[in-house]
N, C-alpha and C. Protein backbone atom coordinates (compact mmCIF):
# COMPACT_ATOMS: atom_id res chain seq x y z
N MET A 1 175.30 -40.78 8.78
CA MET A 1 175.64 -42.01 8.33
C MET A 1 175.81 -41.90 6.71
N GLU A 2 176.88 -42.65 6.15
CA GLU A 2 177.07 -42.37 4.78
C GLU A 2 176.04 -43.19 3.99
N ALA A 3 175.63 -42.58 2.97
CA ALA A 3 174.58 -43.24 2.06
C ALA A 3 175.21 -44.28 1.29
N PRO A 4 174.56 -45.48 0.78
CA PRO A 4 175.11 -46.40 0.01
C PRO A 4 175.08 -45.89 -1.50
N THR A 5 175.90 -46.60 -2.18
CA THR A 5 175.88 -46.31 -3.64
C THR A 5 174.73 -46.91 -4.37
N PRO A 6 173.81 -46.18 -5.05
CA PRO A 6 172.74 -46.70 -5.70
C PRO A 6 173.25 -47.64 -6.95
N SER A 7 172.30 -48.53 -7.31
CA SER A 7 172.74 -49.40 -8.37
C SER A 7 172.92 -48.70 -9.72
N PRO A 8 173.71 -49.32 -10.55
CA PRO A 8 174.03 -48.71 -11.90
C PRO A 8 172.67 -48.39 -12.65
N TRP A 9 171.63 -49.31 -12.44
CA TRP A 9 170.34 -49.20 -13.14
C TRP A 9 169.70 -47.88 -12.79
N VAL A 10 169.82 -47.57 -11.43
CA VAL A 10 169.11 -46.32 -10.97
C VAL A 10 169.85 -45.19 -11.64
N ARG A 11 171.11 -45.17 -11.74
CA ARG A 11 171.84 -44.06 -12.38
C ARG A 11 171.65 -43.92 -13.79
N LEU A 12 171.44 -45.18 -14.55
CA LEU A 12 171.30 -45.10 -16.02
C LEU A 12 169.92 -44.48 -16.38
N THR A 13 168.97 -44.72 -15.49
CA THR A 13 167.56 -44.15 -15.77
C THR A 13 167.36 -42.75 -15.45
N ARG A 14 168.37 -42.07 -15.08
CA ARG A 14 168.28 -40.62 -14.75
C ARG A 14 167.65 -39.76 -15.74
N PRO A 15 167.95 -39.89 -17.01
CA PRO A 15 167.50 -39.07 -18.05
C PRO A 15 165.88 -39.12 -18.19
N LEU A 16 165.36 -40.35 -17.71
CA LEU A 16 163.94 -40.41 -17.74
C LEU A 16 163.21 -40.01 -16.62
N ARG A 17 163.85 -39.60 -15.50
CA ARG A 17 163.28 -39.51 -14.33
C ARG A 17 162.54 -38.15 -14.08
N TRP A 18 163.11 -37.13 -14.66
CA TRP A 18 162.55 -35.73 -14.43
C TRP A 18 161.99 -35.14 -15.60
N ARG A 19 161.74 -35.74 -16.69
CA ARG A 19 161.30 -35.26 -17.91
C ARG A 19 159.90 -34.74 -17.88
N SER A 20 159.07 -35.24 -16.98
CA SER A 20 157.69 -34.81 -16.96
C SER A 20 157.18 -34.84 -15.46
N ALA A 21 156.09 -34.09 -15.25
CA ALA A 21 155.48 -34.11 -13.90
C ALA A 21 154.87 -35.61 -13.66
N LYS A 22 154.24 -36.10 -14.77
CA LYS A 22 153.61 -37.50 -14.69
C LYS A 22 154.63 -38.48 -14.36
N GLY A 23 155.87 -38.40 -14.99
CA GLY A 23 156.93 -39.32 -14.65
C GLY A 23 157.38 -39.28 -13.22
N THR A 24 157.47 -38.06 -12.68
CA THR A 24 157.91 -37.93 -11.31
C THR A 24 156.78 -38.41 -10.32
N ALA A 25 155.45 -38.17 -10.70
CA ALA A 25 154.31 -38.62 -9.96
C ALA A 25 154.41 -40.22 -9.87
N ARG A 26 154.62 -40.84 -11.07
CA ARG A 26 154.79 -42.32 -11.03
C ARG A 26 155.83 -42.84 -10.17
N MET A 27 157.05 -42.18 -10.10
CA MET A 27 158.15 -42.53 -9.21
C MET A 27 157.64 -42.44 -7.67
N LEU A 28 157.06 -41.26 -7.39
CA LEU A 28 156.66 -40.99 -6.10
C LEU A 28 155.58 -42.05 -5.47
N LEU A 29 154.66 -42.48 -6.42
CA LEU A 29 153.74 -43.43 -6.07
C LEU A 29 154.30 -44.83 -5.88
N ALA A 30 155.45 -45.07 -6.60
CA ALA A 30 156.21 -46.28 -6.27
C ALA A 30 156.73 -46.25 -4.96
N PHE A 31 157.34 -45.13 -4.56
CA PHE A 31 157.85 -44.89 -3.22
C PHE A 31 156.67 -45.07 -2.16
N ALA A 32 155.48 -44.45 -2.47
CA ALA A 32 154.47 -44.54 -1.60
C ALA A 32 153.98 -46.00 -1.27
N ARG A 33 154.04 -46.82 -2.45
CA ARG A 33 153.54 -48.28 -2.19
C ARG A 33 154.50 -48.91 -1.51
N ALA A 34 155.85 -48.67 -1.60
CA ALA A 34 156.84 -49.42 -0.84
C ALA A 34 156.71 -49.00 0.68
N GLU A 35 156.53 -47.71 0.92
CA GLU A 35 156.38 -47.26 2.45
C GLU A 35 155.13 -47.88 3.04
N ARG A 36 153.90 -47.93 2.14
CA ARG A 36 152.77 -48.57 2.64
C ARG A 36 152.93 -50.00 2.96
N SER A 37 153.57 -50.73 2.14
CA SER A 37 153.92 -52.16 2.32
C SER A 37 154.68 -52.34 3.63
N SER A 38 155.67 -51.40 3.83
CA SER A 38 156.48 -51.53 5.01
C SER A 38 155.71 -51.22 6.21
N PHE A 39 154.77 -50.36 6.22
CA PHE A 39 153.89 -50.10 7.33
C PHE A 39 153.30 -51.38 7.78
N TYR A 40 152.66 -52.12 6.91
CA TYR A 40 152.11 -53.40 7.29
C TYR A 40 153.10 -54.37 7.89
N ASP A 41 154.19 -54.47 7.31
CA ASP A 41 155.20 -55.43 7.86
C ASP A 41 155.68 -54.97 9.23
N MET A 42 155.82 -53.77 9.41
CA MET A 42 156.28 -53.29 10.82
C MET A 42 155.24 -53.51 11.81
N MET A 43 153.93 -53.28 11.40
CA MET A 43 152.90 -53.60 12.35
C MET A 43 152.77 -55.03 12.79
N GLU A 44 152.91 -55.93 11.72
CA GLU A 44 153.02 -57.33 11.93
C GLU A 44 154.16 -57.61 12.93
N ALA A 45 155.23 -56.97 12.72
CA ALA A 45 156.34 -57.17 13.63
C ALA A 45 156.10 -56.60 15.05
N ALA A 46 155.32 -55.65 15.15
CA ALA A 46 154.99 -55.01 16.53
C ALA A 46 154.02 -55.94 17.19
N ASN A 47 153.14 -56.57 16.43
CA ASN A 47 152.16 -57.53 17.00
C ASN A 47 152.77 -58.90 17.45
N ALA A 48 153.83 -59.25 16.70
CA ALA A 48 154.28 -60.62 16.88
C ALA A 48 155.59 -60.73 17.79
N SER A 49 156.32 -59.59 17.87
CA SER A 49 157.55 -59.64 18.75
C SER A 49 157.17 -59.84 20.21
N ALA A 50 158.13 -60.55 20.91
CA ALA A 50 157.94 -60.85 22.24
C ALA A 50 158.50 -59.87 23.24
N ASP A 51 159.27 -58.88 22.66
CA ASP A 51 159.93 -57.90 23.35
C ASP A 51 159.26 -56.58 23.41
N LEU A 52 158.92 -56.03 24.56
CA LEU A 52 158.15 -54.90 24.55
C LEU A 52 158.94 -53.62 24.01
N ALA A 53 160.21 -53.49 24.26
CA ALA A 53 160.98 -52.35 23.76
C ALA A 53 161.05 -52.46 22.24
N ARG A 54 161.18 -53.65 21.62
CA ARG A 54 161.28 -53.74 20.15
C ARG A 54 159.92 -53.50 19.67
N LYS A 55 158.88 -53.91 20.29
CA LYS A 55 157.47 -53.65 19.83
C LYS A 55 157.26 -52.16 19.61
N ALA A 56 157.84 -51.39 20.66
CA ALA A 56 157.59 -49.94 20.60
C ALA A 56 158.38 -49.33 19.39
N GLN A 57 159.54 -49.90 19.08
CA GLN A 57 160.36 -49.34 18.03
C GLN A 57 159.63 -49.69 16.75
N TYR A 58 159.05 -50.82 16.63
CA TYR A 58 158.41 -51.16 15.37
C TYR A 58 157.12 -50.36 15.07
N VAL A 59 156.42 -50.12 16.28
CA VAL A 59 155.25 -49.31 16.09
C VAL A 59 155.58 -47.90 15.54
N ALA A 60 156.73 -47.20 16.22
CA ALA A 60 157.17 -45.94 15.76
C ALA A 60 157.69 -45.95 14.34
N HIS A 61 158.27 -46.92 13.89
CA HIS A 61 158.74 -47.14 12.50
C HIS A 61 157.46 -47.22 11.62
N ALA A 62 156.49 -48.02 11.99
CA ALA A 62 155.17 -48.18 11.18
C ALA A 62 154.58 -46.79 11.05
N VAL A 63 154.46 -46.09 12.06
CA VAL A 63 153.84 -44.65 11.97
C VAL A 63 154.56 -43.79 10.99
N ASP A 64 156.04 -43.91 11.02
CA ASP A 64 156.68 -43.09 10.06
C ASP A 64 156.42 -43.52 8.65
N GLU A 65 156.24 -44.76 8.40
CA GLU A 65 156.14 -45.33 7.03
C GLU A 65 154.73 -44.90 6.52
N ALA A 66 153.75 -44.95 7.40
CA ALA A 66 152.32 -44.57 7.00
C ALA A 66 152.42 -43.09 6.67
N ARG A 67 153.09 -42.31 7.33
CA ARG A 67 153.22 -40.77 7.17
C ARG A 67 154.04 -40.62 5.77
N HIS A 68 155.09 -41.37 5.56
CA HIS A 68 155.70 -41.15 4.29
C HIS A 68 154.88 -41.61 3.12
N ALA A 69 154.14 -42.71 3.19
CA ALA A 69 153.29 -42.96 2.05
C ALA A 69 152.20 -42.00 1.80
N LYS A 70 151.67 -41.33 2.79
CA LYS A 70 150.79 -40.20 2.58
C LYS A 70 151.35 -39.07 1.84
N MET A 71 152.63 -38.73 2.42
CA MET A 71 153.40 -37.59 1.82
C MET A 71 153.62 -37.76 0.42
N PHE A 72 154.19 -38.96 -0.02
CA PHE A 72 154.51 -39.24 -1.37
C PHE A 72 153.30 -39.22 -2.22
N THR A 73 152.17 -39.81 -1.79
CA THR A 73 150.87 -39.97 -2.51
C THR A 73 150.39 -38.46 -2.71
N LEU A 74 150.32 -37.64 -1.64
CA LEU A 74 149.84 -36.26 -1.88
C LEU A 74 150.62 -35.44 -2.95
N ARG A 75 152.03 -35.63 -2.88
CA ARG A 75 152.84 -34.96 -3.74
C ARG A 75 152.57 -35.34 -5.30
N ALA A 76 152.46 -36.71 -5.31
CA ALA A 76 152.21 -37.32 -6.65
C ALA A 76 150.91 -36.77 -7.30
N LEU A 77 149.85 -36.67 -6.40
CA LEU A 77 148.59 -36.19 -6.94
C LEU A 77 148.67 -34.73 -7.28
N GLU A 78 149.43 -33.91 -6.54
CA GLU A 78 149.74 -32.63 -6.95
C GLU A 78 150.39 -32.51 -8.40
N LEU A 79 151.22 -33.28 -8.61
CA LEU A 79 152.02 -33.39 -9.95
C LEU A 79 151.16 -33.93 -10.99
N ASP A 80 150.25 -34.97 -10.73
CA ASP A 80 149.44 -35.60 -11.74
C ASP A 80 148.04 -35.96 -11.07
N PRO A 81 147.12 -34.98 -11.15
CA PRO A 81 145.76 -35.14 -10.56
C PRO A 81 144.99 -36.30 -11.13
N SER A 82 145.33 -36.67 -12.34
CA SER A 82 144.58 -37.80 -12.99
C SER A 82 144.78 -39.09 -12.28
N ARG A 83 145.86 -39.18 -11.39
CA ARG A 83 146.06 -40.44 -10.72
C ARG A 83 145.08 -40.62 -9.56
N ALA A 84 144.24 -39.52 -9.31
CA ALA A 84 143.36 -39.70 -8.20
C ALA A 84 142.33 -40.86 -8.35
N THR A 85 142.03 -41.13 -9.61
CA THR A 85 141.06 -42.21 -10.02
C THR A 85 141.71 -43.60 -10.33
N ASP A 86 143.05 -43.67 -10.05
CA ASP A 86 143.72 -44.91 -10.31
C ASP A 86 143.34 -45.91 -9.20
N PRO A 87 142.73 -47.02 -9.57
CA PRO A 87 142.30 -48.07 -8.63
C PRO A 87 143.41 -48.64 -7.76
N SER A 88 144.70 -48.57 -8.31
CA SER A 88 145.80 -49.08 -7.55
C SER A 88 146.43 -48.03 -6.60
N LEU A 89 145.94 -46.93 -6.47
CA LEU A 89 146.54 -45.84 -5.87
C LEU A 89 146.94 -46.12 -4.42
N PHE A 90 146.17 -46.98 -3.67
CA PHE A 90 146.54 -47.28 -2.24
C PHE A 90 146.93 -48.76 -2.06
N HIS A 91 147.39 -49.37 -3.12
CA HIS A 91 147.60 -50.76 -2.93
C HIS A 91 148.97 -50.95 -2.19
N ALA A 92 149.12 -52.08 -1.58
CA ALA A 92 150.37 -52.37 -0.91
C ALA A 92 150.81 -53.82 -1.11
N ASP A 93 151.92 -54.23 -0.89
CA ASP A 93 152.47 -55.56 -1.05
C ASP A 93 152.80 -56.16 0.33
N PHE A 94 151.79 -56.77 0.90
CA PHE A 94 151.95 -57.27 2.36
C PHE A 94 152.35 -58.82 2.20
N GLU A 95 153.59 -59.13 2.46
CA GLU A 95 154.05 -60.51 2.31
C GLU A 95 154.32 -61.28 3.62
N HIS A 96 153.79 -60.73 4.80
CA HIS A 96 154.02 -61.35 6.02
C HIS A 96 155.54 -61.67 6.22
N LEU A 97 156.44 -60.74 6.02
CA LEU A 97 157.86 -61.01 6.05
C LEU A 97 158.34 -61.41 7.43
N PHE A 98 157.73 -60.77 8.54
CA PHE A 98 158.18 -61.04 9.78
C PHE A 98 157.91 -62.63 10.19
N THR A 99 156.73 -63.13 9.69
CA THR A 99 156.37 -64.52 9.97
C THR A 99 157.21 -65.41 9.07
N VAL A 100 157.49 -64.93 7.90
CA VAL A 100 158.36 -65.80 6.95
C VAL A 100 159.76 -65.94 7.33
N LEU A 101 160.35 -64.77 7.75
CA LEU A 101 161.69 -64.80 7.96
C LEU A 101 162.20 -64.90 9.45
N GLY A 102 161.28 -64.67 10.41
CA GLY A 102 161.76 -64.62 11.76
C GLY A 102 162.36 -63.37 12.08
N GLU A 103 162.38 -62.91 13.41
CA GLU A 103 162.65 -61.64 13.86
C GLU A 103 164.08 -61.14 13.47
N ALA A 104 165.03 -62.03 13.65
CA ALA A 104 166.45 -61.66 13.45
C ALA A 104 166.74 -61.31 11.86
N LYS A 105 166.22 -62.27 11.09
CA LYS A 105 166.35 -62.09 9.60
C LYS A 105 165.56 -60.97 9.04
N PHE A 106 164.39 -60.75 9.67
CA PHE A 106 163.47 -59.68 9.23
C PHE A 106 164.06 -58.35 9.44
N ILE A 107 164.71 -58.06 10.70
CA ILE A 107 165.21 -56.89 10.90
C ILE A 107 166.49 -56.54 10.23
N ALA A 108 167.19 -57.68 9.87
CA ALA A 108 168.34 -57.40 8.93
C ALA A 108 167.93 -57.09 7.52
N PHE A 109 166.65 -57.70 7.10
CA PHE A 109 166.17 -57.24 5.74
C PHE A 109 165.57 -55.90 5.88
N VAL A 110 165.04 -55.44 6.89
CA VAL A 110 164.57 -54.08 7.07
C VAL A 110 165.81 -53.07 6.91
N HIS A 111 166.98 -53.38 7.62
CA HIS A 111 168.10 -52.56 7.51
C HIS A 111 168.52 -52.48 5.95
N VAL A 112 168.67 -53.62 5.36
CA VAL A 112 169.24 -53.55 3.94
C VAL A 112 168.21 -52.77 3.05
N GLY A 113 166.91 -52.85 3.26
CA GLY A 113 165.93 -52.13 2.48
C GLY A 113 165.97 -50.70 2.75
N GLU A 114 166.06 -50.27 4.03
CA GLU A 114 166.08 -48.83 4.45
C GLU A 114 167.36 -48.16 3.87
N ARG A 115 168.51 -48.92 3.88
CA ARG A 115 169.76 -48.32 3.31
C ARG A 115 169.64 -48.24 1.87
N ARG A 116 169.10 -49.20 1.10
CA ARG A 116 168.98 -49.05 -0.34
C ARG A 116 168.05 -47.89 -0.68
N ALA A 117 166.95 -47.73 0.03
CA ALA A 117 166.01 -46.68 -0.35
C ALA A 117 166.55 -45.35 -0.01
N ARG A 118 167.26 -45.23 1.11
CA ARG A 118 167.85 -43.97 1.38
C ARG A 118 169.01 -43.52 0.31
N GLY A 119 169.64 -44.44 -0.15
CA GLY A 119 170.63 -44.28 -1.27
C GLY A 119 170.03 -43.75 -2.56
N GLN A 120 168.77 -44.33 -2.87
CA GLN A 120 168.09 -43.91 -3.95
C GLN A 120 167.53 -42.40 -3.82
N MET A 121 167.08 -42.22 -2.64
CA MET A 121 166.48 -40.85 -2.35
C MET A 121 167.55 -39.73 -2.32
N GLN A 122 168.69 -40.14 -1.86
CA GLN A 122 169.82 -39.30 -1.78
C GLN A 122 170.21 -38.97 -3.26
N LEU A 123 170.31 -39.92 -4.10
CA LEU A 123 170.64 -39.63 -5.47
C LEU A 123 169.69 -38.78 -6.12
N PHE A 124 168.39 -39.03 -5.98
CA PHE A 124 167.33 -38.25 -6.52
C PHE A 124 167.34 -36.90 -6.02
N ARG A 125 167.56 -36.68 -4.76
CA ARG A 125 167.61 -35.31 -4.20
C ARG A 125 168.91 -34.49 -4.84
N GLU A 126 169.92 -35.17 -5.02
CA GLU A 126 171.15 -34.53 -5.68
C GLU A 126 170.84 -34.06 -7.08
N GLU A 127 170.07 -34.99 -7.85
CA GLU A 127 169.62 -34.65 -9.20
C GLU A 127 168.73 -33.45 -9.26
N LEU A 128 167.78 -33.39 -8.24
CA LEU A 128 166.99 -32.22 -8.21
C LEU A 128 167.68 -30.97 -7.93
N ALA A 129 168.74 -31.10 -6.95
CA ALA A 129 169.48 -29.90 -6.64
C ALA A 129 170.20 -29.40 -7.93
N GLN A 130 170.61 -30.23 -8.79
CA GLN A 130 171.27 -29.95 -10.00
C GLN A 130 170.30 -29.18 -11.05
N LEU A 131 169.08 -29.42 -10.82
CA LEU A 131 167.96 -28.77 -11.76
C LEU A 131 167.57 -27.52 -11.25
N GLU A 132 168.01 -27.02 -10.11
CA GLU A 132 167.52 -25.71 -9.61
C GLU A 132 167.87 -24.62 -10.60
N GLY A 133 166.94 -23.71 -10.84
CA GLY A 133 167.20 -22.59 -11.78
C GLY A 133 166.84 -22.99 -13.19
N THR A 134 166.38 -24.19 -13.46
CA THR A 134 165.96 -24.68 -14.77
C THR A 134 164.46 -24.89 -14.82
N PRO A 135 163.76 -24.99 -15.97
CA PRO A 135 162.42 -25.27 -16.00
C PRO A 135 161.87 -26.54 -15.29
N ARG A 136 162.78 -27.39 -15.00
CA ARG A 136 162.44 -28.72 -14.41
C ARG A 136 162.74 -28.78 -12.98
N ALA A 137 162.98 -27.57 -12.35
CA ALA A 137 163.31 -27.58 -10.95
C ALA A 137 162.01 -27.95 -10.19
N ASP A 138 162.23 -28.63 -9.03
CA ASP A 138 161.18 -29.13 -8.25
C ASP A 138 161.48 -29.16 -6.82
N THR A 139 161.37 -27.93 -6.20
CA THR A 139 161.75 -27.69 -4.82
C THR A 139 160.82 -28.44 -3.84
N LYS A 140 159.54 -28.63 -4.18
CA LYS A 140 158.72 -29.38 -3.32
C LYS A 140 159.17 -30.83 -3.17
N THR A 141 159.47 -31.53 -4.23
CA THR A 141 159.78 -32.91 -4.15
C THR A 141 161.26 -33.01 -3.51
N LYS A 142 162.03 -31.98 -3.73
CA LYS A 142 163.36 -32.16 -3.06
C LYS A 142 163.24 -31.94 -1.56
N ALA A 143 162.35 -31.10 -1.07
CA ALA A 143 162.10 -30.94 0.33
C ALA A 143 161.39 -32.22 0.92
N LEU A 144 160.54 -32.76 0.17
CA LEU A 144 159.90 -34.01 0.63
C LEU A 144 161.03 -35.11 0.84
N LEU A 145 161.86 -35.30 -0.18
CA LEU A 145 163.00 -36.32 -0.07
C LEU A 145 163.87 -36.05 1.22
N ASP A 146 164.11 -34.70 1.36
CA ASP A 146 164.96 -34.35 2.60
C ASP A 146 164.37 -34.77 3.90
N ALA A 147 162.97 -34.54 4.05
CA ALA A 147 162.31 -34.89 5.21
C ALA A 147 162.31 -36.35 5.43
N VAL A 148 161.89 -37.16 4.43
CA VAL A 148 161.86 -38.60 4.48
C VAL A 148 163.17 -39.23 4.75
N MET A 149 164.23 -38.72 4.13
CA MET A 149 165.63 -39.32 4.42
C MET A 149 165.96 -39.24 5.84
N ARG A 150 165.56 -38.15 6.53
CA ARG A 150 166.04 -37.97 7.91
C ARG A 150 165.36 -39.23 8.71
N ASP A 151 164.22 -39.48 8.40
CA ASP A 151 163.55 -40.69 9.10
C ASP A 151 164.24 -42.04 8.65
N GLU A 152 164.53 -42.11 7.35
CA GLU A 152 165.15 -43.39 6.91
C GLU A 152 166.44 -43.63 7.48
N GLU A 153 167.23 -42.48 7.78
CA GLU A 153 168.58 -42.73 8.34
C GLU A 153 168.41 -43.20 9.91
N GLN A 154 167.38 -42.69 10.48
CA GLN A 154 167.10 -43.20 11.79
C GLN A 154 166.70 -44.74 11.78
N HIS A 155 165.92 -44.98 10.92
CA HIS A 155 165.43 -46.44 10.70
C HIS A 155 166.62 -47.35 10.45
N GLU A 156 167.53 -46.83 9.49
CA GLU A 156 168.66 -47.61 9.19
C GLU A 156 169.56 -47.83 10.50
N THR A 157 169.73 -46.88 11.23
CA THR A 157 170.53 -46.90 12.41
C THR A 157 169.99 -47.88 13.46
N TYR A 158 168.82 -47.79 13.77
CA TYR A 158 168.19 -48.64 14.89
C TYR A 158 168.11 -50.05 14.38
N SER A 159 167.66 -50.28 13.04
CA SER A 159 167.65 -51.60 12.49
C SER A 159 169.08 -52.38 12.55
N LEU A 160 170.06 -51.50 12.24
CA LEU A 160 171.43 -52.15 12.26
C LEU A 160 171.82 -52.61 13.70
N ALA A 161 171.55 -51.80 14.65
CA ALA A 161 171.72 -52.16 16.06
C ALA A 161 170.94 -53.39 16.52
N LEU A 162 169.71 -53.42 16.08
CA LEU A 162 168.89 -54.55 16.52
C LEU A 162 169.34 -55.80 15.84
N SER A 163 169.72 -55.71 14.45
CA SER A 163 170.13 -56.80 13.72
C SER A 163 171.39 -57.40 14.40
N GLN A 164 172.35 -56.57 14.88
CA GLN A 164 173.45 -57.15 15.55
C GLN A 164 173.15 -57.67 16.90
N GLU A 165 172.16 -57.17 17.58
CA GLU A 165 171.72 -57.69 18.83
C GLU A 165 171.13 -59.01 18.80
N LEU A 166 170.31 -59.17 17.65
CA LEU A 166 169.55 -60.57 17.50
C LEU A 166 170.33 -61.48 16.75
N GLY A 167 171.50 -61.10 16.13
CA GLY A 167 172.26 -62.15 15.41
C GLY A 167 171.81 -62.16 13.93
N GLY A 168 171.19 -61.24 13.46
CA GLY A 168 170.65 -61.35 11.98
C GLY A 168 171.96 -61.07 11.07
N SER A 169 171.93 -61.71 9.91
CA SER A 169 173.02 -61.69 8.97
C SER A 169 172.58 -60.70 7.79
N LEU A 170 173.24 -59.64 7.69
CA LEU A 170 173.06 -58.70 6.61
C LEU A 170 173.27 -59.43 5.25
N GLY A 171 174.29 -60.17 5.11
CA GLY A 171 174.57 -60.90 3.89
C GLY A 171 173.42 -61.78 3.41
N SER A 172 172.98 -62.64 4.41
CA SER A 172 171.83 -63.48 4.18
C SER A 172 170.57 -62.64 3.80
N ALA A 173 170.44 -61.50 4.37
CA ALA A 173 169.23 -60.67 3.95
C ALA A 173 169.39 -60.18 2.57
N ARG A 174 170.59 -59.85 2.14
CA ARG A 174 170.76 -59.27 0.85
C ARG A 174 170.55 -60.48 -0.20
N LEU A 175 170.93 -61.66 0.10
CA LEU A 175 170.91 -62.66 -0.76
C LEU A 175 169.31 -63.17 -0.91
N TRP A 176 168.60 -63.19 0.25
CA TRP A 176 167.25 -63.44 0.21
C TRP A 176 166.49 -62.37 -0.62
N GLU A 177 166.80 -61.17 -0.46
CA GLU A 177 166.14 -60.05 -1.16
C GLU A 177 166.57 -60.19 -2.72
N LEU A 178 167.71 -60.51 -3.11
CA LEU A 178 168.06 -60.82 -4.45
C LEU A 178 167.15 -61.93 -4.94
N LYS A 179 167.03 -63.07 -4.26
CA LYS A 179 166.31 -64.19 -4.73
C LYS A 179 164.86 -63.71 -4.91
N ARG A 180 164.27 -63.07 -3.95
CA ARG A 180 162.83 -62.42 -3.95
C ARG A 180 162.69 -61.61 -5.18
N GLY A 181 163.57 -60.67 -5.48
CA GLY A 181 163.54 -59.84 -6.72
C GLY A 181 163.53 -60.62 -7.92
N TRP A 182 164.34 -61.77 -7.99
CA TRP A 182 164.48 -62.54 -9.19
C TRP A 182 163.15 -63.30 -9.47
N LEU A 183 162.53 -63.85 -8.34
CA LEU A 183 161.32 -64.56 -8.49
C LEU A 183 160.17 -63.57 -8.87
N ARG A 184 160.13 -62.37 -8.39
CA ARG A 184 159.21 -61.41 -8.85
C ARG A 184 159.30 -61.04 -10.20
N ALA A 185 160.54 -60.89 -10.70
CA ALA A 185 160.75 -60.52 -12.15
C ALA A 185 160.43 -61.64 -12.99
N GLY A 186 160.67 -62.96 -12.51
CA GLY A 186 160.26 -64.04 -13.27
C GLY A 186 158.73 -64.24 -13.44
N ALA A 187 158.01 -63.99 -12.36
CA ALA A 187 156.54 -64.05 -12.24
C ALA A 187 156.02 -62.92 -13.41
N THR A 188 156.62 -61.78 -13.26
CA THR A 188 156.11 -60.78 -14.12
C THR A 188 156.34 -61.10 -15.67
N LEU A 189 157.63 -61.57 -15.94
CA LEU A 189 157.91 -62.00 -17.23
C LEU A 189 157.04 -63.10 -17.83
N SER A 190 156.72 -64.16 -16.84
CA SER A 190 155.96 -65.20 -17.28
C SER A 190 154.49 -64.61 -17.60
N GLY A 191 153.92 -63.65 -16.85
CA GLY A 191 152.65 -63.10 -17.10
C GLY A 191 152.65 -62.35 -18.54
N LEU A 192 153.71 -61.78 -18.79
CA LEU A 192 153.69 -61.04 -20.13
C LEU A 192 153.86 -62.02 -21.20
N VAL A 193 154.61 -63.00 -21.00
CA VAL A 193 154.78 -64.04 -22.12
C VAL A 193 153.43 -64.75 -22.35
N TYR A 194 152.70 -65.14 -21.21
CA TYR A 194 151.43 -65.84 -21.42
C TYR A 194 150.39 -64.85 -22.13
N THR A 195 150.53 -63.62 -21.79
CA THR A 195 149.51 -62.66 -22.45
C THR A 195 149.87 -62.41 -23.92
N ALA A 196 151.07 -62.43 -24.20
CA ALA A 196 151.48 -62.32 -25.63
C ALA A 196 151.16 -63.60 -26.42
N LEU A 197 151.42 -64.77 -25.87
CA LEU A 197 151.07 -66.02 -26.45
C LEU A 197 149.60 -66.14 -26.73
N MET A 198 148.85 -65.76 -25.76
CA MET A 198 147.28 -65.83 -25.92
C MET A 198 146.70 -64.85 -26.95
N SER A 199 147.40 -63.71 -27.06
CA SER A 199 147.06 -62.75 -28.11
C SER A 199 147.32 -63.32 -29.52
N VAL A 200 148.58 -63.88 -29.69
CA VAL A 200 148.95 -64.39 -30.89
C VAL A 200 147.91 -65.55 -31.35
N LEU A 201 147.68 -66.38 -30.23
CA LEU A 201 146.85 -67.54 -30.57
C LEU A 201 145.38 -67.10 -30.93
N TYR A 202 144.81 -65.98 -30.41
CA TYR A 202 143.56 -65.51 -30.65
C TYR A 202 143.56 -64.92 -32.09
N VAL A 203 144.62 -64.23 -32.43
CA VAL A 203 144.62 -63.66 -33.78
C VAL A 203 144.68 -64.81 -34.83
N ALA A 204 145.44 -65.78 -34.45
CA ALA A 204 145.59 -66.93 -35.45
C ALA A 204 144.29 -67.78 -35.53
N LEU A 205 143.59 -67.99 -34.49
CA LEU A 205 142.34 -68.81 -34.52
C LEU A 205 141.09 -68.03 -34.90
N PHE A 206 141.08 -66.71 -34.73
CA PHE A 206 139.87 -65.96 -34.98
C PHE A 206 139.42 -66.16 -36.43
N PRO A 207 140.16 -66.08 -37.45
CA PRO A 207 139.75 -66.39 -38.85
C PRO A 207 139.20 -67.71 -39.03
N LEU A 208 139.74 -68.77 -38.36
CA LEU A 208 139.22 -70.11 -38.44
C LEU A 208 137.81 -70.18 -37.78
N ALA A 209 137.64 -69.44 -36.65
CA ALA A 209 136.43 -69.49 -35.99
C ALA A 209 135.24 -68.78 -36.93
N LEU A 210 135.68 -67.77 -37.69
CA LEU A 210 134.68 -67.17 -38.60
C LEU A 210 134.34 -68.10 -39.69
N ILE A 211 135.38 -68.82 -40.24
CA ILE A 211 135.15 -69.86 -41.27
C ILE A 211 134.12 -70.87 -40.89
N GLU A 212 134.43 -71.40 -39.61
CA GLU A 212 133.58 -72.56 -39.04
C GLU A 212 132.12 -72.02 -38.93
N LYS A 213 132.00 -70.66 -38.48
CA LYS A 213 130.67 -70.15 -38.14
C LYS A 213 129.90 -70.11 -39.44
N ALA A 214 130.62 -69.65 -40.47
CA ALA A 214 129.94 -69.44 -41.80
C ALA A 214 129.53 -70.79 -42.45
N ARG A 215 130.33 -71.87 -42.12
CA ARG A 215 129.94 -73.16 -42.53
C ARG A 215 128.65 -73.82 -41.91
N ARG A 216 128.42 -73.24 -40.63
CA ARG A 216 127.28 -73.82 -39.98
C ARG A 216 125.83 -73.48 -40.69
N PRO A 217 124.90 -74.39 -40.60
CA PRO A 217 123.63 -73.93 -41.11
C PRO A 217 123.00 -72.79 -40.24
């Protein structure tokens, strides 16, 4: 199956991707978190779906995602052992997507996500191939991406077939994903703005607090 074209942003950030082992580890841990999150979503789907055949497919998918998360995490820790003490190392984003979206829209969303992830991995794998023979060559990470992409292509294929069977709309799934990403970005930006404003306010009020304290008997 032909891989999708990655977003321009993914291509623009290429110079930053392979500059250091720590940077590569950070990227792999982001993949691990996404795979771990997908594991929980697929297990929810397996528990909630009324169809036994689809339940089995969802469980098989969940097992793959758990294995991928472990593979990405172990490789990241090889590249950056200091990450072993990171309290967020095994975090996941479990949003109950099956319950929120319903089965038809959920499996369409899964297909869109799997296709996008495979496109990114394919690009990264090609970049690593171009680095062979240089000090930045990373054959282990390239082999890891090759192994995961084989599973991702299978996930992409079965989820497309199921989406067509259940009447899910890929266009609607893409729009929902875009809205979700926008809301997440807005929440992150709001948090950063709030932190910055509180810091400015603290700096502005601290001298006044000292003056008031000095005036007290």
